[in-house]
Amino acid sequence: MRNCLLYINTLRYLKWIQIYYRVLYSCKKRFRLKQRFPLKSVPVDLKIPLLKPFPPSNVSLRGTTFTFLNREYSFESIDWDFQGYGKLWTYNLNYFEFLHQPGMNAETGLKLIRDYISKQSPRSTGQQSYPSSLRIINWIKFISVHGIQDSLINAFLWNNLQHLSMNPEYHLLGNHILENGIALLWGALWYQDSQWLKQAEGILKRELEEQILPDGAHFELSPMYHQIILHRLIDTWNLLTSNPTYGTSLQVFLQPYLIRMIHWIKQMTFANGDIPLFNDAANGIAPDTRTLLGYASILGIAIQNDTIEPLRESGYHRFNSDRYEMILDTGPIGPDYNPGHGHCDMFSFVLYHQGIPLIVDTGTSTYERNVRRLEERKTAAHNTVGIDGMEQSDVWGSHRVGRRARIKVENVHASGVCASHDGFKRKGITHKRDLSFAPDQIVISDHLDGAARTPATAYLHFHPDIQPILNGQGIIARSSNFQFEGAEQIMLNTYHYAPAFNLLIPGVVAEIKFWNLLSTLIHL
């Protein structure tokens, strides 16, 4: 019965278009698995002007050794469908981001592209729509910058675009369909194809309006994915401004979204350049904020003002003083029909003290369907309150959510915020968190309403460089002091911090046991 309810609560929020396309693609996979798109003869003298430079990607290829997600593998002959490190590693191999790493030359890049073409089949992981989208963009960027004209590459790209045009990821939506639309736009301008241009414009206009919130956040509420999408859209601005014959109307449409997204990521970035690792987020995947701002500036994306405005629709709040920076999450787990990158992190926060990380999010080390993936999405992995092992929302699988908590922000002002969520309503409990801020201290009040006496645990995950020490009814950590009023027991245990994929660093988590009411005073 519990599994049945889990599936019902997972499926009930899907859009009909997701259900329709999931059934359609399942039928295609079963009955038309061997379908091939014959190579089409296309003109060899294709080119589009592009502004330069593109920001370089991380170095991920040395010789025949590829390094993605902190795992490396050396090939004698490259297996582009290598599955030894999981699907996400294989995806990264197929993105071809390494074409833009420092030192990559036209001869080496061309050799890699031709090797890829010679080994592909319709069943390869890289022919799926998402990795195809990123590879299409990266190939066109590379051959455009280097002035490469190659009939085999042009034919292979055309067929990839044709397949993508017929298989956009409407069953997933979210960042996937947005990447599909961007790739179709690049292909449309490369081949001067009016049908793909129309399809791309339809996807981008519809999805940007849906996915970019009024305060500028990407609606999956991951700072990492926000940076990824922002990077792709700045690249697209590069494309459109370099080709005004095709891109003028879409350029006008795109500009306000870029400006809002830039404002948002600036507010979500700490002074030292770090981002909080809320939801699915890890370092080393997307270009950092400084790189993105520099790229936007080179392309003349005008930021009308540099004022910091309160974040609203995304549910994030930033509070600064001369001594600390805190970013608080009071947002939903994600869009109802696509919460796969969401965690049970309502009311969690990240705190930097004098420019140094003090309280951090656990982070994300894997997308594989395993125990570690589930642990990183659970309530206890975040700086919030848990009750008797119950989760705020029912996270399961690798990217699934069943029942999900609802949040209500009751009050926001310059020196504080108060909100509540109903994630524990099966126990008849509402969790309310009230935070107030002063120049050198923060007060966090947690209330569990609805039950006479409820045992709960508040979690604080210290950065691994911080070694907290128990001190009576409090904790001393570096030059900060934590005092707990209402605590029954304070314990220091070990957790594993995941600042990047496949990277786990032991740190200390404080677990504060209390009944119904806890007041935490942080003196900084």
Protein backbone atom coordinates (compact mmCIF):
# COMPACT_ATOMS: atom_id res chain seq x y z
CA MET A 1 0.00 0.00 0.00
CA ARG A 2 2.83 2.40 0.86
CA ASN A 3 4.52 1.76 -2.51
CA CYS A 4 1.21 2.25 -4.26
CA LEU A 5 0.73 5.64 -2.59
CA LEU A 6 4.31 6.56 -3.44
CA TYR A 7 3.69 5.95 -7.13
CA ILE A 8 0.34 7.74 -7.07
CA ASN A 9 1.83 10.80 -5.38
CA THR A 10 4.70 10.78 -7.88
CA LEU A 11 2.54 10.47 -11.01
CA ARG A 12 -0.38 12.69 -10.06
CA TYR A 13 1.58 15.90 -10.62
CA LEU A 14 2.81 15.07 -14.12
CA LYS A 15 1.56 17.11 -17.04
CA TRP A 16 -0.41 15.28 -19.69
CA ILE A 17 2.25 16.10 -22.25
CA GLN A 18 4.81 14.24 -20.12
CA ILE A 19 2.59 11.16 -19.93
CA TYR A 20 1.80 11.27 -23.65
CA TYR A 21 5.43 11.51 -24.74
CA ARG A 22 6.62 8.92 -22.25
CA VAL A 23 4.17 6.41 -23.74
CA LEU A 24 5.06 7.52 -27.27
CA TYR A 25 8.81 7.17 -26.77
CA SER A 26 8.41 3.83 -25.00
CA CYS A 27 6.56 2.53 -28.04
CA LYS A 28 9.20 3.94 -30.36
CA LYS A 29 11.95 2.30 -28.36
CA ARG A 30 10.22 -1.04 -28.40
CA PHE A 31 9.05 -1.19 -32.00
CA ARG A 32 11.48 1.07 -33.85
CA LEU A 33 14.70 0.49 -31.98
CA LYS A 34 16.68 -0.22 -35.17
CA GLN A 35 15.45 2.86 -37.03
CA ARG A 36 18.28 4.82 -38.59
CA PHE A 37 18.34 8.27 -40.09
CA PRO A 38 20.27 7.95 -43.35
CA LEU A 39 23.07 10.47 -43.78
CA LYS A 40 21.87 13.41 -45.80
CA SER A 41 24.04 15.18 -48.32
CA VAL A 42 24.36 18.79 -47.17
CA PRO A 43 26.48 21.68 -48.46
CA VAL A 44 30.07 21.70 -47.26
CA ASP A 45 30.48 25.48 -47.11
CA LEU A 46 28.36 26.09 -44.03
CA LYS A 47 29.40 28.70 -41.50
CA ILE A 48 28.01 31.22 -39.08
CA PRO A 49 29.93 34.11 -37.56
CA LEU A 50 30.50 33.95 -33.83
CA LEU A 51 31.83 36.49 -31.43
CA LYS A 52 34.82 35.34 -29.42
CA PRO A 53 36.12 34.39 -27.02
CA PHE A 54 34.08 31.64 -25.48
CA PRO A 55 35.08 30.97 -21.88
CA PRO A 56 37.27 27.84 -21.80
CA SER A 57 35.89 24.67 -20.25
CA ASN A 58 37.63 22.72 -17.52
CA VAL A 59 40.50 20.55 -18.69
CA SER A 60 39.05 17.04 -18.93
CA LEU A 61 41.18 15.39 -21.63
CA ARG A 62 44.92 14.69 -21.54
CA GLY A 63 46.13 12.36 -24.24
CA THR A 64 43.62 9.52 -24.17
CA THR A 65 42.69 10.01 -20.52
CA PHE A 66 39.30 11.59 -19.81
CA THR A 67 38.43 13.04 -16.41
CA PHE A 68 34.84 13.83 -15.51
CA LEU A 69 33.12 14.04 -12.13
CA ASN A 70 36.47 13.44 -10.38
CA ARG A 71 36.92 10.07 -12.08
CA GLU A 72 39.41 9.41 -14.85
CA TYR A 73 39.72 6.65 -17.42
CA SER A 74 42.39 5.97 -20.05
CA PHE A 75 41.34 4.41 -23.35
CA GLU A 76 43.49 2.63 -25.90
CA SER A 77 40.61 3.10 -28.30
CA ILE A 78 37.87 5.43 -27.07
CA ASP A 79 34.63 3.66 -26.17
CA TRP A 80 32.14 6.50 -26.47
CA ASP A 81 29.51 4.32 -24.79
CA PHE A 82 31.71 3.40 -21.81
CA GLN A 83 29.44 2.51 -18.86
CA GLY A 84 31.99 1.74 -16.15
CA TYR A 85 31.42 4.94 -14.16
CA GLY A 86 27.66 5.34 -14.54
CA LYS A 87 25.36 7.14 -16.92
CA LEU A 88 26.31 10.70 -15.96
CA TRP A 89 30.01 10.05 -16.71
CA THR A 90 29.03 8.62 -20.10
CA TYR A 91 26.89 11.70 -20.74
CA ASN A 92 29.86 13.96 -19.98
CA LEU A 93 32.06 11.97 -22.36
CA ASN A 94 29.45 12.58 -25.08
CA TYR A 95 28.98 16.31 -24.42
CA PHE A 96 32.34 17.14 -26.04
CA GLU A 97 32.90 20.09 -23.68
CA PHE A 98 36.60 19.23 -23.85
CA LEU A 99 36.70 20.74 -27.35
CA HIS A 100 36.88 24.13 -25.62
CA GLN A 101 39.55 23.35 -23.04
CA PRO A 102 42.81 25.36 -23.19
CA GLY A 103 45.30 23.93 -25.67
CA MET A 104 42.76 22.08 -27.80
CA ASN A 105 43.63 22.56 -31.47
CA ALA A 106 41.65 22.00 -34.65
CA GLU A 107 43.54 18.85 -35.67
CA THR A 108 43.01 17.06 -32.35
CA GLY A 109 39.38 18.12 -32.07
CA LEU A 110 38.63 17.04 -35.63
CA LYS A 111 40.23 13.65 -35.00
CA LEU A 112 38.03 13.13 -31.91
CA ILE A 113 34.87 14.13 -33.76
CA ARG A 114 35.60 11.77 -36.66
CA ASP A 115 36.40 8.93 -34.25
CA TYR A 116 33.05 9.53 -32.56
CA ILE A 117 31.16 9.45 -35.87
CA SER A 118 32.84 6.20 -36.92
CA LYS A 119 31.73 4.37 -33.77
CA GLN A 120 28.13 5.52 -33.33
CA SER A 121 24.93 3.52 -33.55
CA PRO A 122 21.32 4.56 -32.83
CA ARG A 123 21.48 2.60 -29.56
CA SER A 124 24.45 4.52 -28.14
CA THR A 125 23.91 6.55 -24.97
CA GLY A 126 25.23 9.62 -26.78
CA GLN A 127 22.37 9.51 -29.26
CA GLN A 128 19.85 10.27 -26.53
CA SER A 129 18.34 13.72 -26.88
CA TYR A 130 20.02 15.42 -23.91
CA PRO A 131 23.68 14.52 -24.65
CA SER A 132 22.95 15.06 -28.35
CA SER A 133 21.79 18.60 -27.60
CA LEU A 134 24.99 19.55 -25.79
CA ARG A 135 27.20 17.83 -28.35
CA ILE A 136 25.46 19.62 -31.24
CA ILE A 137 26.13 23.00 -29.60
CA ASN A 138 29.76 22.17 -28.80
CA TRP A 139 30.51 20.81 -32.27
CA ILE A 140 29.02 23.85 -34.03
CA LYS A 141 30.95 26.20 -31.74
CA PHE A 142 34.18 24.31 -32.40
CA ILE A 143 33.95 23.98 -36.18
CA SER A 144 32.76 27.58 -36.49
CA VAL A 145 35.63 29.02 -34.46
CA HIS A 146 38.19 26.91 -36.36
CA GLY A 147 36.61 27.40 -39.78
CA ILE A 148 36.26 23.65 -40.35
CA GLN A 149 34.32 22.53 -43.41
CA ASP A 150 33.70 18.79 -43.46
CA SER A 151 30.89 17.06 -45.34
CA LEU A 152 30.84 14.02 -43.05
CA ILE A 153 30.52 16.16 -39.92
CA ASN A 154 27.84 18.32 -41.51
CA ALA A 155 25.86 15.25 -42.53
CA PHE A 156 26.17 13.64 -39.08
CA LEU A 157 25.13 16.87 -37.35
CA TRP A 158 22.16 17.24 -39.66
CA ASN A 159 20.97 13.74 -38.81
CA ASN A 160 21.45 14.33 -35.08
CA LEU A 161 19.36 17.48 -35.37
CA GLN A 162 16.70 15.66 -37.36
CA HIS A 163 16.49 13.00 -34.64
CA LEU A 164 16.36 15.68 -31.92
CA SER A 165 13.63 17.55 -33.76
CA MET A 166 11.53 14.38 -33.76
CA ASN A 167 12.37 13.43 -30.15
CA PRO A 168 12.39 16.51 -27.89
CA GLU A 169 12.23 15.58 -24.22
CA TYR A 170 8.66 16.59 -23.48
CA HIS A 171 8.41 13.55 -21.20
CA LEU A 172 10.95 15.23 -18.88
CA LEU A 173 10.56 18.97 -19.57
CA GLY A 174 12.64 21.18 -17.23
CA ASN A 175 16.25 21.88 -18.17
CA HIS A 176 16.22 19.01 -20.67
CA ILE A 177 13.64 20.51 -23.04
CA LEU A 178 15.32 23.90 -22.71
CA GLU A 179 18.65 22.40 -23.82
CA ASN A 180 16.84 20.70 -26.72
CA GLY A 181 15.44 24.04 -27.86
CA ILE A 182 18.82 25.77 -27.65
CA ALA A 183 20.48 23.01 -29.70
CA LEU A 184 17.75 23.23 -32.36
CA LEU A 185 18.35 26.98 -32.57
CA TRP A 186 22.09 26.47 -33.14
CA GLY A 187 21.31 23.87 -35.78
CA ALA A 188 18.71 26.06 -37.44
CA LEU A 189 21.18 28.90 -37.89
CA TRP A 190 23.98 26.59 -38.96
CA TYR A 191 21.85 24.97 -41.69
CA GLN A 192 19.57 27.99 -42.24
CA ASP A 193 16.59 25.72 -41.65
CA SER A 194 13.34 27.62 -41.13
CA GLN A 195 11.46 24.61 -39.71
CA TRP A 196 14.00 24.02 -36.95
CA LEU A 197 14.13 27.77 -36.28
CA LYS A 198 10.37 27.87 -35.77
CA GLN A 199 10.47 24.81 -33.49
CA ALA A 200 13.37 26.25 -31.47
CA GLU A 201 11.71 29.63 -31.02
CA GLY A 202 8.51 27.96 -29.86
CA ILE A 203 10.34 25.87 -27.26
CA LEU A 204 12.53 28.71 -25.99
CA LYS A 205 9.78 31.30 -25.69
CA ARG A 206 7.43 28.90 -23.96
CA GLU A 207 10.02 27.33 -21.65
CA LEU A 208 11.84 30.51 -20.64
CA GLU A 209 8.54 32.04 -19.63
CA GLU A 210 7.76 28.91 -17.64
CA GLN A 211 11.18 28.11 -16.19
CA ILE A 212 12.68 31.51 -15.30
CA LEU A 213 10.90 32.89 -12.25
CA PRO A 214 10.18 36.61 -11.85
CA ASP A 215 13.09 37.00 -9.42
CA GLY A 216 15.43 35.46 -12.02
CA ALA A 217 15.85 31.93 -10.65
CA HIS A 218 15.68 28.83 -12.80
CA PHE A 219 12.65 27.03 -11.42
CA GLU A 220 14.45 23.80 -10.47
CA LEU A 221 16.06 25.93 -7.72
CA SER A 222 19.59 24.55 -8.05
CA PRO A 223 22.30 27.23 -8.20
CA MET A 224 24.40 24.82 -10.28
CA TYR A 225 21.73 24.24 -12.90
CA HIS A 226 21.04 27.96 -12.92
CA GLN A 227 24.68 28.55 -13.86
CA ILE A 228 24.52 25.84 -16.54
CA ILE A 229 21.41 27.31 -18.15
CA LEU A 230 22.74 30.88 -17.86
CA HIS A 231 25.96 29.83 -19.59
CA ARG A 232 23.98 28.22 -22.42
CA LEU A 233 21.80 31.32 -22.83
CA ILE A 234 24.81 33.66 -22.91
CA ASP A 235 26.27 31.42 -25.64
CA THR A 236 22.95 31.75 -27.45
CA TRP A 237 23.12 35.53 -27.10
CA ASN A 238 26.57 35.31 -28.70
CA LEU A 239 25.02 33.36 -31.57
CA LEU A 240 22.05 35.70 -32.06
CA THR A 241 23.98 38.95 -31.90
CA SER A 242 26.48 37.57 -34.42
CA ASN A 243 23.67 36.60 -36.80
CA PRO A 244 21.11 39.44 -36.61
CA THR A 245 19.41 38.38 -39.85
CA TYR A 246 17.99 35.34 -38.06
CA GLY A 247 18.03 36.27 -34.42
CA THR A 248 16.75 39.80 -33.86
CA SER A 249 13.29 39.05 -32.44
CA LEU A 250 14.53 36.20 -30.26
CA GLN A 251 17.40 38.38 -29.05
CA VAL A 252 14.94 41.02 -27.86
CA PHE A 253 12.93 38.31 -26.12
CA LEU A 254 16.01 36.77 -24.48
CA GLN A 255 17.62 39.89 -23.03
CA PRO A 256 15.37 40.49 -19.99
CA TYR A 257 15.68 36.83 -18.97
CA LEU A 258 19.47 37.06 -19.09
CA ILE A 259 19.48 40.20 -16.97
CA ARG A 260 17.18 38.67 -14.34
CA MET A 261 19.21 35.46 -14.21
CA ILE A 262 22.45 37.39 -13.78
CA HIS A 263 20.96 39.42 -10.92
CA TRP A 264 19.80 36.22 -9.22
CA ILE A 265 23.10 34.36 -9.41
CA LYS A 266 24.98 37.41 -8.14
CA GLN A 267 22.81 37.38 -5.02
CA MET A 268 23.26 33.62 -4.62
CA THR A 269 27.06 33.83 -4.77
CA PHE A 270 29.16 34.39 -1.67
CA ALA A 271 31.86 37.06 -1.64
CA ASN A 272 34.58 34.45 -2.23
CA GLY A 273 32.80 33.15 -5.37
CA ASP A 274 31.17 30.03 -3.86
CA ILE A 275 27.55 29.09 -4.43
CA PRO A 276 25.39 27.32 -1.81
CA LEU A 277 24.93 23.67 -2.75
CA PHE A 278 21.14 23.66 -2.40
CA ASN A 279 19.24 20.81 -4.07
CA ASP A 280 21.30 19.02 -6.73
CA ALA A 281 24.41 21.18 -6.87
CA ALA A 282 28.14 20.52 -7.00
CA ASN A 283 31.27 22.45 -7.77
CA GLY A 284 33.27 21.95 -10.96
CA ILE A 285 30.29 21.36 -13.27
CA ALA A 286 29.20 24.82 -14.43
CA PRO A 287 31.28 27.95 -15.08
CA ASP A 288 31.54 29.97 -11.87
CA THR A 289 29.69 33.24 -11.42
CA ARG A 290 32.77 35.40 -12.03
CA THR A 291 33.35 33.69 -15.41
CA LEU A 292 29.71 34.08 -16.40
CA LEU A 293 29.65 37.77 -15.51
CA GLY A 294 32.85 38.35 -17.47
CA TYR A 295 31.48 36.54 -20.52
CA ALA A 296 28.24 38.54 -20.37
CA SER A 297 30.20 41.78 -20.12
CA ILE A 298 32.34 40.95 -23.18
CA LEU A 299 29.15 40.38 -25.19
CA GLY A 300 27.67 43.70 -24.06
CA ILE A 301 24.79 42.30 -22.03
CA ALA A 302 23.79 45.46 -20.23
CA ILE A 303 22.98 45.22 -16.54
CA GLN A 304 20.92 48.33 -15.88
CA ASN A 305 21.92 48.61 -12.24
CA ASP A 306 23.92 46.74 -9.67
CA THR A 307 21.50 47.00 -6.76
CA ILE A 308 20.70 43.88 -4.76
CA GLU A 309 16.97 43.28 -4.65
CA PRO A 310 15.24 40.78 -2.34
CA LEU A 311 14.64 37.36 -3.84
CA ARG A 312 11.01 36.36 -3.82
CA GLU A 313 9.56 33.59 -6.00
CA SER A 314 12.53 31.21 -5.64
CA GLY A 315 12.14 31.26 -1.85
CA TYR A 316 15.77 32.10 -1.14
CA HIS A 317 16.76 34.89 1.23
CA ARG A 318 20.17 36.46 1.71
CA PHE A 319 21.26 38.26 4.87
CA ASN A 320 24.63 40.02 5.14
CA SER A 321 26.60 41.91 7.76
CA ASP A 322 30.25 42.89 7.97
CA ARG A 323 30.86 39.58 9.79
CA TYR A 324 28.75 37.00 7.98
CA GLU A 325 26.75 35.98 4.91
CA MET A 326 23.75 33.66 5.17
CA ILE A 327 21.53 32.27 2.43
CA LEU A 328 18.30 30.62 3.59
CA ASP A 329 15.98 28.29 1.66
CA THR A 330 12.23 28.75 2.12
CA GLY A 331 11.33 27.56 -1.38
CA PRO A 332 9.46 24.46 -2.57
CA ILE A 333 11.24 21.23 -3.41
CA GLY A 334 10.92 22.20 -7.08
CA PRO A 335 8.27 22.47 -9.81
CA ASP A 336 5.51 19.97 -9.08
CA TYR A 337 5.81 18.19 -12.41
CA ASN A 338 9.62 18.06 -12.32
CA PRO A 339 11.09 17.96 -8.79
CA GLY A 340 13.80 15.40 -9.62
CA HIS A 341 16.68 17.67 -8.60
CA GLY A 342 15.03 18.64 -5.31
CA HIS A 343 16.09 17.72 -1.76
CA CYS A 344 14.36 17.79 1.62
CA ASP A 345 16.02 21.10 2.48
CA MET A 346 13.18 23.42 3.51
CA PHE A 347 14.53 25.97 6.02
CA SER A 348 18.10 24.83 5.44
CA PHE A 349 20.77 27.51 5.25
CA VAL A 350 24.42 28.05 4.44
CA LEU A 351 26.48 30.39 6.62
CA TYR A 352 29.84 32.01 5.90
CA HIS A 353 31.73 33.75 8.70
CA GLN A 354 34.31 36.39 7.79
CA GLY A 355 34.45 35.01 4.27
CA ILE A 356 35.00 31.39 5.33
CA PRO A 357 32.38 28.58 5.08
CA LEU A 358 31.08 27.67 8.55
CA ILE A 359 27.75 25.86 8.04
CA VAL A 360 27.39 24.13 4.67
CA ASP A 361 24.97 21.99 2.71
CA THR A 362 25.98 18.34 2.44
CA GLY A 363 26.14 18.64 -1.37
CA THR A 364 25.74 16.10 -4.17
CA SER A 365 28.22 13.34 -4.97
CA THR A 366 26.18 11.03 -7.22
CA TYR A 367 23.10 10.66 -9.42
CA GLU A 368 23.24 6.88 -9.28
CA ARG A 369 20.30 5.05 -7.74
CA ASN A 370 21.95 4.00 -4.50
CA VAL A 371 21.97 4.55 -0.75
CA ARG A 372 24.31 7.53 -0.95
CA ARG A 373 22.03 9.33 -3.40
CA LEU A 374 19.06 8.84 -1.10
CA GLU A 375 21.01 9.97 1.98
CA GLU A 376 22.06 13.22 0.30
CA ARG A 377 18.46 14.11 -0.50
CA LYS A 378 17.07 13.37 2.98
CA THR A 379 16.08 15.90 5.64
CA ALA A 380 18.95 14.89 7.93
CA ALA A 381 21.48 15.91 5.25
CA HIS A 382 20.45 19.55 5.56
CA ASN A 383 20.55 22.28 8.19
CA THR A 384 16.94 21.98 9.22
CA VAL A 385 14.77 19.92 11.60
CA GLY A 386 13.76 16.28 11.32
CA ILE A 387 11.18 14.30 13.27
CA ASP A 388 11.58 10.62 14.11
CA GLY A 389 13.15 9.73 10.75
CA MET A 390 10.24 11.20 8.78
CA GLU A 391 11.13 13.09 5.59
CA GLN A 392 9.78 16.51 4.65
CA SER A 393 8.94 15.05 1.22
CA ASP A 394 9.03 11.46 -0.03
CA VAL A 395 12.24 11.39 -2.06
CA TRP A 396 12.98 8.07 -3.72
CA GLY A 397 14.79 6.48 -6.64
CA SER A 398 17.46 8.76 -8.02
CA HIS A 399 15.23 11.64 -9.18
CA ARG A 400 11.75 10.91 -7.86
CA VAL A 401 9.50 12.64 -5.34
CA GLY A 402 6.13 11.37 -4.10
CA ARG A 403 4.29 13.33 -1.41
CA ARG A 404 5.84 16.77 -1.18
CA ALA A 405 5.78 19.38 1.56
CA ARG A 406 4.17 22.77 1.08
CA ILE A 407 5.68 25.92 2.49
CA LYS A 408 4.16 29.18 3.66
CA VAL A 409 6.30 32.29 4.09
CA GLU A 410 4.53 34.30 6.76
CA ASN A 411 6.78 37.33 7.11
CA VAL A 412 9.91 38.71 5.46
CA HIS A 413 11.66 41.92 6.44
CA ALA A 414 15.14 43.43 6.43
CA SER A 415 16.17 41.74 9.67
CA GLY A 416 14.37 38.40 9.53
CA VAL A 417 12.04 35.86 8.00
CA CYS A 418 9.35 33.55 9.36
CA ALA A 419 7.90 30.54 7.50
CA SER A 420 6.25 27.17 8.08
CA HIS A 421 5.89 23.90 6.18
CA ASP A 422 3.52 20.93 6.43
CA GLY A 423 5.98 18.14 5.62
CA PHE A 424 5.20 16.41 8.93
CA LYS A 425 1.42 16.71 8.72
CA ARG A 426 1.03 12.91 8.78
CA LYS A 427 2.00 13.29 12.44
CA GLY A 428 -0.25 16.31 12.78
CA ILE A 429 2.76 18.66 13.07
CA THR A 430 3.68 21.93 11.39
CA HIS A 431 7.30 23.05 11.52
CA LYS A 432 7.73 26.80 11.87
CA ARG A 433 11.15 28.46 11.68
CA ASP A 434 11.69 32.11 12.65
CA LEU A 435 15.06 33.77 11.99
CA SER A 436 16.18 37.21 13.08
CA PHE A 437 19.46 38.88 12.21
CA ALA A 438 21.68 41.43 13.91
CA PRO A 439 25.17 42.61 12.84
CA ASP A 440 26.98 40.03 14.99
CA GLN A 441 24.38 37.39 15.76
CA ILE A 442 21.58 35.24 14.35
CA VAL A 443 18.66 33.79 16.29
CA ILE A 444 16.82 30.73 14.93
CA SER A 445 13.58 29.66 16.62
CA ASP A 446 12.08 26.30 15.69
CA HIS A 447 8.49 25.53 16.71
CA LEU A 448 6.70 22.22 16.24
CA ASP A 449 3.01 22.97 16.46
CA GLY A 450 0.21 20.44 16.66
CA ALA A 451 1.47 17.85 19.13
CA ALA A 452 1.81 18.09 22.88
CA ARG A 453 5.29 16.58 23.05
CA THR A 454 7.25 15.80 19.91
CA PRO A 455 10.88 14.61 19.82
CA ALA A 456 12.86 16.32 17.06
CA THR A 457 16.43 16.85 15.88
CA ALA A 458 18.01 20.00 14.47
CA TYR A 459 21.04 19.48 12.24
CA LEU A 460 24.04 21.75 11.67
CA HIS A 461 26.66 20.57 9.18
CA PHE A 462 30.02 22.22 9.77
CA HIS A 463 32.50 22.63 6.95
CA PRO A 464 35.24 19.96 7.22
CA ASP A 465 37.84 22.65 7.96
CA ILE A 466 35.88 23.59 11.11
CA GLN A 467 36.32 21.46 14.24
CA PRO A 468 33.46 22.34 16.62
CA ILE A 469 33.80 21.69 20.33
CA LEU A 470 31.02 20.99 22.81
CA ASN A 471 30.83 23.62 25.55
CA GLY A 472 28.05 22.93 28.06
CA GLN A 473 24.75 23.73 26.31
CA GLY A 474 26.54 25.10 23.31
CA ILE A 475 29.19 24.66 20.65
CA ILE A 476 32.28 26.68 19.91
CA ALA A 477 33.35 26.62 16.27
CA ARG A 478 36.31 28.72 15.19
CA SER A 479 35.49 32.21 16.57
CA SER A 480 31.73 31.63 16.59
CA ASN A 481 29.53 30.45 19.45
CA PHE A 482 26.30 28.44 19.24
CA GLN A 483 23.92 28.39 22.21
CA PHE A 484 20.79 26.22 22.34
CA GLU A 485 17.83 26.99 24.57
CA GLY A 486 15.47 24.03 24.90
CA ALA A 487 18.02 21.38 23.88
CA GLU A 488 17.72 18.01 25.58
CA GLN A 489 20.95 16.63 24.14
CA ILE A 490 23.72 17.91 21.86
CA MET A 491 25.83 15.42 19.94
CA LEU A 492 28.70 15.80 17.47
CA ASN A 493 28.81 13.08 14.83
CA THR A 494 30.59 12.50 11.54
CA TYR A 495 29.03 13.14 8.15
CA HIS A 496 30.47 13.24 4.63
CA TYR A 497 30.61 16.55 2.82
CA ALA A 498 30.21 16.29 -0.98
CA PRO A 499 31.39 19.55 -2.57
CA ALA A 500 31.72 17.79 -5.95
CA PHE A 501 30.67 14.57 -7.65
CA ASN A 502 32.45 11.47 -6.35
CA LEU A 503 34.20 13.47 -3.66
CA LEU A 504 33.42 12.79 0.02
CA ILE A 505 35.20 14.63 2.84
CA PRO A 506 34.50 13.76 6.50
CA GLY A 507 33.15 16.60 8.61
CA VAL A 508 31.25 17.16 11.83
CA VAL A 509 27.48 17.45 12.11
CA ALA A 510 25.83 18.71 15.29
CA GLU A 511 22.58 16.95 16.18
CA ILE A 512 20.50 18.84 18.72
CA LYS A 513 17.66 16.86 20.29
CA PHE A 514 14.69 18.85 21.57
CA TRP A 515 10.97 18.75 22.29
CA ASN A 516 8.69 21.08 20.32
CA LEU A 517 10.69 24.28 20.79
CA LEU A 518 14.35 25.13 20.20
CA SER A 519 16.04 28.51 20.14
CA THR A 520 19.52 28.68 18.59
CA LEU A 521 21.67 31.76 19.17
CA ILE A 522 24.66 32.07 16.84
CA HIS A 523 27.14 34.71 17.95
CA LEU A 524 29.58 35.63 15.18
